[in-house]
Amino acid sequence: MPEARDVSQRTGLLTTRGKPKAWAREFHELAHALTSNSIAVHPMGSRPKLDWDRCTTSAQAGREFQLQYVEAFLRER
């Protein structure tokens, strides 16, 4: 809004006085809920090695790497 002088009424987590807005409180509660529970880590299997130079100079090489990566990912399912 070009005519707006103070956009903090519409954006941000804090009021102009530095108090948490409702969104900030919800975000805090969500962050607490997510960090207080442990998530089981699934070990990642082998993945193809990215040949960076080849993939940045060849679109075909990039597509081949993508296909190899997806195949490796799907093998673990």
PDB file of N, CA and C in Angstrom:
ATOM      1  N   MET A   1       0.845  -1.176   0.000  1.00  0.00           N
ATOM      2  CA  MET A   1       0.000   0.000   0.000  1.00  0.00           C
ATOM      3  C   MET A   1       0.888   1.235   0.000  1.00  0.00           C
ATOM      4  N   PRO A   2       0.990   1.900  -1.111  1.00  0.00           N
ATOM      5  CA  PRO A   2       1.886   3.061  -1.202  1.00  0.00           C
ATOM      6  C   PRO A   2       1.582   4.162  -0.194  1.00  0.00           C
ATOM      7  N   GLU A   3       0.309   4.360   0.122  1.00  0.00           N
ATOM      8  CA  GLU A   3      -0.027   5.453   1.046  1.00  0.00           C
ATOM      9  C   GLU A   3       0.149   5.070   2.522  1.00  0.00           C
ATOM     10  N   ALA A   4       0.388   3.801   2.786  1.00  0.00           N
ATOM     11  CA  ALA A   4       0.551   3.362   4.168  1.00  0.00           C
ATOM     12  C   ALA A   4       1.893   3.837   4.729  1.00  0.00           C
ATOM     13  N   ARG A   5       1.863   4.365   5.915  1.00  0.00           N
ATOM     14  CA  ARG A   5       3.087   4.827   6.558  1.00  0.00           C
ATOM     15  C   ARG A   5       3.622   3.770   7.540  1.00  0.00           C
ATOM     16  N   ASP A   6       2.750   2.926   8.041  1.00  0.00           N
ATOM     17  CA  ASP A   6       3.153   1.918   9.019  1.00  0.00           C
ATOM     18  C   ASP A   6       2.521   0.588   8.627  1.00  0.00           C
ATOM     19  N   VAL A   7       3.282  -0.280   7.970  1.00  0.00           N
ATOM     20  CA  VAL A   7       2.736  -1.559   7.527  1.00  0.00           C
ATOM     21  C   VAL A   7       2.735  -2.603   8.641  1.00  0.00           C
ATOM     22  N   SER A   8       3.276  -2.279   9.802  1.00  0.00           N
ATOM     23  CA  SER A   8       3.335  -3.259  10.885  1.00  0.00           C
ATOM     24  C   SER A   8       1.954  -3.678  11.364  1.00  0.00           C
ATOM     25  N   GLN A   9       0.930  -2.893  11.034  1.00  0.00           N
ATOM     26  CA  GLN A   9      -0.430  -3.293  11.398  1.00  0.00           C
ATOM     27  C   GLN A   9      -0.847  -4.535  10.622  1.00  0.00           C
ATOM     28  N   ARG A  10      -0.298  -4.710   9.427  1.00  0.00           N
ATOM     29  CA  ARG A  10      -0.690  -5.821   8.560  1.00  0.00           C
ATOM     30  C   ARG A  10       0.345  -6.941   8.492  1.00  0.00           C
ATOM     31  N   THR A  11       1.581  -6.656   8.854  1.00  0.00           N
ATOM     32  CA  THR A  11       2.640  -7.654   8.719  1.00  0.00           C
ATOM     33  C   THR A  11       3.406  -7.806  10.023  1.00  0.00           C
ATOM     34  N   GLY A  12       4.264  -8.793  10.052  1.00  0.00           N
ATOM     35  CA  GLY A  12       5.153  -8.966  11.194  1.00  0.00           C
ATOM     36  C   GLY A  12       4.545  -9.740  12.346  1.00  0.00           C
ATOM     37  N   LEU A  13       5.394 -10.116  13.278  1.00  0.00           N
ATOM     38  CA  LEU A  13       4.963 -10.883  14.448  1.00  0.00           C
ATOM     39  C   LEU A  13       4.727 -10.012  15.670  1.00  0.00           C
ATOM     40  N   LEU A  14       5.207  -8.763  15.631  1.00  0.00           N
ATOM     41  CA  LEU A  14       5.086  -7.879  16.791  1.00  0.00           C
ATOM     42  C   LEU A  14       4.289  -6.629  16.446  1.00  0.00           C
ATOM     43  N   THR A  15       3.642  -6.077  17.452  1.00  0.00           N
ATOM     44  CA  THR A  15       2.948  -4.804  17.281  1.00  0.00           C
ATOM     45  C   THR A  15       3.984  -3.687  17.243  1.00  0.00           C
ATOM     46  N   THR A  16       3.535  -2.487  16.970  1.00  0.00           N
ATOM     47  CA  THR A  16       4.458  -1.349  16.948  1.00  0.00           C
ATOM     48  C   THR A  16       5.070  -1.102  18.322  1.00  0.00           C
ATOM     49  N   ARG A  17       4.451  -1.608  19.368  1.00  0.00           N
ATOM     50  CA  ARG A  17       4.984  -1.469  20.736  1.00  0.00           C
ATOM     51  C   ARG A  17       5.815  -2.671  21.162  1.00  0.00           C
ATOM     52  N   GLY A  18       6.050  -3.593  20.231  1.00  0.00           N
ATOM     53  CA  GLY A  18       6.894  -4.746  20.533  1.00  0.00           C
ATOM     54  C   GLY A  18       6.190  -5.905  21.198  1.00  0.00           C
ATOM     55  N   LYS A  19       4.870  -5.877  21.251  1.00  0.00           N
ATOM     56  CA  LYS A  19       4.104  -6.977  21.859  1.00  0.00           C
ATOM     57  C   LYS A  19       3.805  -8.038  20.791  1.00  0.00           C
ATOM     58  N   PRO A  20       3.837  -9.308  21.175  1.00  0.00           N
ATOM     59  CA  PRO A  20       3.533 -10.364  20.206  1.00  0.00           C
ATOM     60  C   PRO A  20       2.085 -10.277  19.722  1.00  0.00           C
ATOM     61  N   LYS A  21       1.910 -10.431  18.413  1.00  0.00           N
ATOM     62  CA  LYS A  21       0.564 -10.481  17.836  1.00  0.00           C
ATOM     63  C   LYS A  21       0.037 -11.908  17.981  1.00  0.00           C
ATOM     64  N   ALA A  22      -1.233 -12.097  17.667  1.00  0.00           N
ATOM     65  CA  ALA A  22      -1.849 -13.426  17.782  1.00  0.00           C
ATOM     66  C   ALA A  22      -1.065 -14.448  16.968  1.00  0.00           C
ATOM     67  N   TRP A  23      -0.615 -14.070  15.766  1.00  0.00           N
ATOM     68  CA  TRP A  23       0.140 -14.988  14.926  1.00  0.00           C
ATOM     69  C   TRP A  23       1.445 -15.395  15.614  1.00  0.00           C
ATOM     70  N   ALA A  24       2.093 -14.471  16.282  1.00  0.00           N
ATOM     71  CA  ALA A  24       3.335 -14.783  16.984  1.00  0.00           C
ATOM     72  C   ALA A  24       3.077 -15.796  18.097  1.00  0.00           C
ATOM     73  N   ARG A  25       1.987 -15.631  18.811  1.00  0.00           N
ATOM     74  CA  ARG A  25       1.656 -16.581  19.886  1.00  0.00           C
ATOM     75  C   ARG A  25       1.362 -17.966  19.313  1.00  0.00           C
ATOM     76  N   GLU A  26       0.623 -18.019  18.200  1.00  0.00           N
ATOM     77  CA  GLU A  26       0.332 -19.304  17.559  1.00  0.00           C
ATOM     78  C   GLU A  26       1.618 -19.964  17.068  1.00  0.00           C
ATOM     79  N   PHE A  27       2.489 -19.167  16.472  1.00  0.00           N
ATOM     80  CA  PHE A  27       3.757 -19.682  15.973  1.00  0.00           C
ATOM     81  C   PHE A  27       4.597 -20.234  17.127  1.00  0.00           C
ATOM     82  N   HIS A  28       4.618 -19.528  18.233  1.00  0.00           N
ATOM     83  CA  HIS A  28       5.362 -19.979  19.416  1.00  0.00           C
ATOM     84  C   HIS A  28       4.828 -21.316  19.911  1.00  0.00           C
ATOM     85  N   GLU A  29       3.507 -21.453  19.983  1.00  0.00           N
ATOM     86  CA  GLU A  29       2.909 -22.705  20.444  1.00  0.00           C
ATOM     87  C   GLU A  29       3.203 -23.850  19.474  1.00  0.00           C
ATOM     88  N   LEU A  30       3.128 -23.555  18.186  1.00  0.00           N
ATOM     89  CA  LEU A  30       3.411 -24.578  17.183  1.00  0.00           C
ATOM     90  C   LEU A  30       4.871 -25.013  17.265  1.00  0.00           C
ATOM     91  N   ALA A  31       5.774 -24.061  17.382  1.00  0.00           N
ATOM     92  CA  ALA A  31       7.196 -24.388  17.489  1.00  0.00           C
ATOM     93  C   ALA A  31       7.460 -25.237  18.726  1.00  0.00           C
ATOM     94  N   HIS A  32       6.825 -24.895  19.837  1.00  0.00           N
ATOM     95  CA  HIS A  32       7.000 -25.672  21.067  1.00  0.00           C
ATOM     96  C   HIS A  32       6.477 -27.091  20.883  1.00  0.00           C
ATOM     97  N   ALA A  33       5.318 -27.232  20.246  1.00  0.00           N
ATOM     98  CA  ALA A  33       4.741 -28.558  20.033  1.00  0.00           C
ATOM     99  C   ALA A  33       5.639 -29.409  19.137  1.00  0.00           C
ATOM    100  N   LEU A  34       6.223 -28.789  18.134  1.00  0.00           N
ATOM    101  CA  LEU A  34       7.059 -29.545  17.207  1.00  0.00           C
ATOM    102  C   LEU A  34       8.411 -29.906  17.803  1.00  0.00           C
ATOM    103  N   THR A  35       8.950 -29.069  18.665  1.00  0.00           N
ATOM    104  CA  THR A  35      10.261 -29.356  19.238  1.00  0.00           C
ATOM    105  C   THR A  35      10.186 -30.234  20.478  1.00  0.00           C
ATOM    106  N   SER A  36       9.021 -30.337  21.069  1.00  0.00           N
ATOM    107  CA  SER A  36       8.915 -31.154  22.274  1.00  0.00           C
ATOM    108  C   SER A  36       8.708 -32.629  21.946  1.00  0.00           C
ATOM    109  N   ASN A  37       8.419 -32.944  20.696  1.00  0.00           N
ATOM    110  CA  ASN A  37       8.253 -34.333  20.270  1.00  0.00           C
ATOM    111  C   ASN A  37       9.423 -34.720  19.383  1.00  0.00           C
ATOM    112  N   SER A  38       9.907 -35.935  19.569  1.00  0.00           N
ATOM    113  CA  SER A  38      10.998 -36.379  18.706  1.00  0.00           C
ATOM    114  C   SER A  38      10.418 -37.038  17.463  1.00  0.00           C
ATOM    115  N   ILE A  39      11.122 -36.871  16.375  1.00  0.00           N
ATOM    116  CA  ILE A  39      10.714 -37.447  15.106  1.00  0.00           C
ATOM    117  C   ILE A  39      11.730 -38.524  14.750  1.00  0.00           C
ATOM    118  N   ALA A  40      11.228 -39.688  14.414  1.00  0.00           N
ATOM    119  CA  ALA A  40      12.120 -40.785  14.054  1.00  0.00           C
ATOM    120  C   ALA A  40      12.847 -40.433  12.760  1.00  0.00           C
ATOM    121  N   VAL A  41      14.146 -40.615  12.784  1.00  0.00           N
ATOM    122  CA  VAL A  41      14.957 -40.323  11.616  1.00  0.00           C
ATOM    123  C   VAL A  41      15.097 -41.585  10.782  1.00  0.00           C
ATOM    124  N   HIS A  42      14.730 -41.484   9.530  1.00  0.00           N
ATOM    125  CA  HIS A  42      14.857 -42.606   8.613  1.00  0.00           C
ATOM    126  C   HIS A  42      16.207 -42.490   7.924  1.00  0.00           C
ATOM    127  N   PRO A  43      17.073 -43.484   8.072  1.00  0.00           N
ATOM    128  CA  PRO A  43      18.384 -43.385   7.440  1.00  0.00           C
ATOM    129  C   PRO A  43      18.248 -43.343   5.918  1.00  0.00           C
ATOM    130  N   MET A  44      19.013 -42.463   5.323  1.00  0.00           N
ATOM    131  CA  MET A  44      18.957 -42.311   3.885  1.00  0.00           C
ATOM    132  C   MET A  44      19.946 -43.266   3.231  1.00  0.00           C
ATOM    133  N   GLY A  45      19.483 -43.952   2.217  1.00  0.00           N
ATOM    134  CA  GLY A  45      20.340 -44.875   1.495  1.00  0.00           C
ATOM    135  C   GLY A  45      21.280 -44.138   0.554  1.00  0.00           C
ATOM    136  N   SER A  46      21.927 -44.894  -0.290  1.00  0.00           N
ATOM    137  CA  SER A  46      22.890 -44.289  -1.203  1.00  0.00           C
ATOM    138  C   SER A  46      22.178 -43.444  -2.256  1.00  0.00           C
ATOM    139  N   ARG A  47      22.833 -42.413  -2.653  1.00  0.00           N
ATOM    140  CA  ARG A  47      22.326 -41.498  -3.682  1.00  0.00           C
ATOM    141  C   ARG A  47      23.404 -41.334  -4.743  1.00  0.00           C
ATOM    142  N   PRO A  48      23.007 -41.037  -5.971  1.00  0.00           N
ATOM    143  CA  PRO A  48      24.024 -40.814  -7.004  1.00  0.00           C
ATOM    144  C   PRO A  48      24.826 -39.555  -6.699  1.00  0.00           C
ATOM    145  N   LYS A  49      26.077 -39.572  -7.103  1.00  0.00           N
ATOM    146  CA  LYS A  49      26.938 -38.414  -6.885  1.00  0.00           C
ATOM    147  C   LYS A  49      26.669 -37.396  -7.992  1.00  0.00           C
ATOM    148  N   LEU A  50      26.504 -36.153  -7.592  1.00  0.00           N
ATOM    149  CA  LEU A  50      26.245 -35.082  -8.550  1.00  0.00           C
ATOM    150  C   LEU A  50      27.560 -34.630  -9.179  1.00  0.00           C
ATOM    151  N   ASP A  51      27.627 -34.741 -10.495  1.00  0.00           N
ATOM    152  CA  ASP A  51      28.760 -34.201 -11.242  1.00  0.00           C
ATOM    153  C   ASP A  51      28.377 -32.762 -11.595  1.00  0.00           C
ATOM    154  N   TRP A  52      28.720 -31.854 -10.710  1.00  0.00           N
ATOM    155  CA  TRP A  52      28.272 -30.464 -10.810  1.00  0.00           C
ATOM    156  C   TRP A  52      28.656 -29.836 -12.146  1.00  0.00           C
ATOM    157  N   ASP A  53      29.907 -29.984 -12.531  1.00  0.00           N
ATOM    158  CA  ASP A  53      30.369 -29.370 -13.783  1.00  0.00           C
ATOM    159  C   ASP A  53      29.590 -29.900 -14.980  1.00  0.00           C
ATOM    160  N   ARG A  54      29.399 -31.186 -15.030  1.00  0.00           N
ATOM    161  CA  ARG A  54      28.670 -31.794 -16.154  1.00  0.00           C
ATOM    162  C   ARG A  54      27.213 -31.350 -16.170  1.00  0.00           C
ATOM    163  N   CYS A  55      26.594 -31.318 -14.996  1.00  0.00           N
ATOM    164  CA  CYS A  55      25.172 -30.962 -14.933  1.00  0.00           C
ATOM    165  C   CYS A  55      24.922 -29.481 -15.198  1.00  0.00           C
ATOM    166  N   THR A  56      25.892 -28.634 -14.930  1.00  0.00           N
ATOM    167  CA  THR A  56      25.693 -27.206 -15.203  1.00  0.00           C
ATOM    168  C   THR A  56      25.979 -26.856 -16.653  1.00  0.00           C
ATOM    169  N   THR A  57      26.582 -27.785 -17.381  1.00  0.00           N
ATOM    170  CA  THR A  57      26.871 -27.507 -18.794  1.00  0.00           C
ATOM    171  C   THR A  57      26.034 -28.355 -19.737  1.00  0.00           C
ATOM    172  N   SER A  58      25.292 -29.311 -19.197  1.00  0.00           N
ATOM    173  CA  SER A  58      24.487 -30.194 -20.039  1.00  0.00           C
ATOM    174  C   SER A  58      23.118 -30.433 -19.409  1.00  0.00           C
ATOM    175  N   ALA A  59      22.078 -29.979 -20.098  1.00  0.00           N
ATOM    176  CA  ALA A  59      20.714 -30.204 -19.605  1.00  0.00           C
ATOM    177  C   ALA A  59      20.418 -31.702 -19.541  1.00  0.00           C
ATOM    178  N   GLN A  60      20.925 -32.451 -20.503  1.00  0.00           N
ATOM    179  CA  GLN A  60      20.709 -33.901 -20.515  1.00  0.00           C
ATOM    180  C   GLN A  60      21.343 -34.554 -19.283  1.00  0.00           C
ATOM    181  N   ALA A  61      22.538 -34.129 -18.937  1.00  0.00           N
ATOM    182  CA  ALA A  61      23.195 -34.674 -17.746  1.00  0.00           C
ATOM    183  C   ALA A  61      22.375 -34.350 -16.495  1.00  0.00           C
ATOM    184  N   GLY A  62      21.818 -33.162 -16.446  1.00  0.00           N
ATOM    185  CA  GLY A  62      20.972 -32.788 -15.310  1.00  0.00           C
ATOM    186  C   GLY A  62      19.747 -33.675 -15.215  1.00  0.00           C
ATOM    187  N   ARG A  63      19.112 -33.940 -16.358  1.00  0.00           N
ATOM    188  CA  ARG A  63      17.931 -34.819 -16.356  1.00  0.00           C
ATOM    189  C   ARG A  63      18.302 -36.234 -15.939  1.00  0.00           C
ATOM    190  N   GLU A  64      19.444 -36.717 -16.432  1.00  0.00           N
ATOM    191  CA  GLU A  64      19.894 -38.068 -16.056  1.00  0.00           C
ATOM    192  C   GLU A  64      20.116 -38.162 -14.552  1.00  0.00           C
ATOM    193  N   PHE A  65      20.746 -37.140 -13.966  1.00  0.00           N
ATOM    194  CA  PHE A  65      20.968 -37.141 -12.522  1.00  0.00           C
ATOM    195  C   PHE A  65      19.636 -37.155 -11.774  1.00  0.00           C
ATOM    196  N   GLN A  66      18.697 -36.337 -12.234  1.00  0.00           N
ATOM    197  CA  GLN A  66      17.385 -36.298 -11.587  1.00  0.00           C
ATOM    198  C   GLN A  66      16.727 -37.667 -11.612  1.00  0.00           C
ATOM    199  N   LEU A  67      16.759 -38.331 -12.748  1.00  0.00           N
ATOM    200  CA  LEU A  67      16.149 -39.662 -12.858  1.00  0.00           C
ATOM    201  C   LEU A  67      16.839 -40.661 -11.939  1.00  0.00           C
ATOM    202  N   GLN A  68      18.170 -40.628 -11.900  1.00  0.00           N
ATOM    203  CA  GLN A  68      18.906 -41.534 -11.019  1.00  0.00           C
ATOM    204  C   GLN A  68      18.569 -41.271  -9.553  1.00  0.00           C
ATOM    205  N   TYR A  69      18.428 -40.002  -9.191  1.00  0.00           N
ATOM    206  CA  TYR A  69      18.121 -39.645  -7.809  1.00  0.00           C
ATOM    207  C   TYR A  69      16.721 -40.133  -7.428  1.00  0.00           C
ATOM    208  N   VAL A  70      15.767 -39.917  -8.315  1.00  0.00           N
ATOM    209  CA  VAL A  70      14.390 -40.369  -8.035  1.00  0.00           C
ATOM    210  C   VAL A  70      14.343 -41.876  -7.918  1.00  0.00           C
ATOM    211  N   GLU A  71      15.043 -42.576  -8.796  1.00  0.00           N
ATOM    212  CA  GLU A  71      15.078 -44.037  -8.708  1.00  0.00           C
ATOM    213  C   GLU A  71      15.651 -44.504  -7.377  1.00  0.00           C
ATOM    214  N   ALA A  72      16.722 -43.880  -6.929  1.00  0.00           N
ATOM    215  CA  ALA A  72      17.324 -44.238  -5.629  1.00  0.00           C
ATOM    216  C   ALA A  72      16.349 -43.962  -4.492  1.00  0.00           C
ATOM    217  N   PHE A  73      15.649 -42.837  -4.579  1.00  0.00           N
ATOM    218  CA  PHE A  73      14.664 -42.486  -3.550  1.00  0.00           C
ATOM    219  C   PHE A  73      13.530 -43.510  -3.516  1.00  0.00           C
ATOM    220  N   LEU A  74      13.019 -43.862  -4.669  1.00  0.00           N
ATOM    221  CA  LEU A  74      11.880 -44.787  -4.727  1.00  0.00           C
ATOM    222  C   LEU A  74      12.259 -46.205  -4.283  1.00  0.00           C
ATOM    223  N   ARG A  75      13.502 -46.594  -4.454  1.00  0.00           N
ATOM    224  CA  ARG A  75      13.936 -47.922  -3.993  1.00  0.00           C
ATOM    225  C   ARG A  75      13.774 -48.071  -2.485  1.00  0.00           C
ATOM    226  N   GLU A  76      13.819 -46.980  -1.760  1.00  0.00           N
ATOM    227  CA  GLU A  76      13.729 -47.041  -0.298  1.00  0.00           C
ATOM    228  C   GLU A  76      12.303 -47.109   0.223  1.00  0.00           C
ATOM    229  N   ARG A  77      11.353 -46.891  -0.608  1.00  0.00           N
ATOM    230  CA  ARG A  77       9.962 -46.858  -0.140  1.00  0.00           C
ATOM    231  C   ARG A  77       9.450 -48.190   0.223  1.00  0.00           C
TER     232      ARG A  77
END
